[in-house]
Amino acid sequence: MSHARLTLIIALLLAPGVQPAAAQSYPSRPVRLITPSSPGSGVDIVARIVGQKLSENLKQQVVIDNRAGAGANLGAEIAAKAAPDGYTLFMGTPAHAINPGLYHRLNYDIVRDFAPISLVTTGQYVLVVHPSVPAKIVKDLIALAKARPGQLNYASAGNGNATHLAAELFKSLTGVNIVHVPYKGSGPALTDLIGGQVHLMFSNLTAGLPHIKSGKLRALAVTGARRSPTAPDIPTVTESGVPGYTVTSWYGVLAPAATSQEIVNRLNGEIVKVMRLPDMKGRLAAEGAEPTSSTPAEFAAFIKTEIAKWGKVVKEAGISAD
């Protein structure tokens, strides 16, 4: 082969828009999306909605593989050790940014062992109180808690859960002394809050809304950086007088770390297209989630920010899951 011909081939391969053969032929068989939760959970429902649309775009089935257990660590361990060929993907959650601070020993590293592809959804929590609590706004609650230190208690879906840490961040930023009552899941926690056994909770917005609408619970604020389109009348914690308070529920797709950049870019492009589809907004709104997307680099930076934020909260609160 002449030198000129070789130079031309290399130039063509390096030209923008020319994909290597691996990315062009990918995927040639079904893709597995590991979801670190049981069927019917929030992350599972989002994974199935996204997976269905991704199947249509990739012309290959995206199979949801539910691997619940060990505080969402089991699914992450399996995904981290999978072949980095683009045929095993993983749905990351806030737990994977919280757990590095919560567990002294993990069998995976969410930063080292994964290649982030894209965020897919963001959501919010809502600060709700039992109607017997004489607080109509966040400032009332802070004043009440300061007047009665250690006398107000809050429910969570479990030790180290995002609903627990949302309250711990609130405590840290406001200086209130409220007592944690952990439950095995948000269902039992909400039941006892409605029954008046506990005073308040940072609930998943979707789970809390029906009880807010029925008057069984009173909403004081949502936890996002801006108001939720699902509940635009409820102010944010920040605008209620607690600057710097933001807690989001999020899900995002990752691949094992050594997955080729070509495949990561291909998947990112397809996920961005899927999350921009007009019907995604309506389908995800029912789950209290808003469709979003990001570049792999943006998602990687976001995960690192979340790990630092929750690591600080966990350390200050002295929480451990080991």
Foldseek 3Di string as FASTA:
>chain_A
DDPVVVVVVVCVCPDPPRFPPLLVPPPPEEAEEEEAADPPDLSNLVCVLLQVLLCVVRVYHYHYHYRYDDQSQRSVLVQLPDDLSLRYKYKDWLSLLQVVLFAPDGNDRPQQWWQFQKWWKKFWWFKKWFPVPPDQAPVRVLVVQVVPAAPAEEEDCAFSDLFVLLVLVVCVQSVGHYHYDYDNGPVVRVVCRLVVVHTITRGGCLVCVVCCVVVSIHTHAMAAPAAQPLCNVHHHVCVRPRPPGHDMITIGMIHTDVRDPSSSNSSLVSSQVSLPDPCNQVSCVNSRIHTDIDGSVVVSVVSVVSNVVSSVSCVVVVHHDD
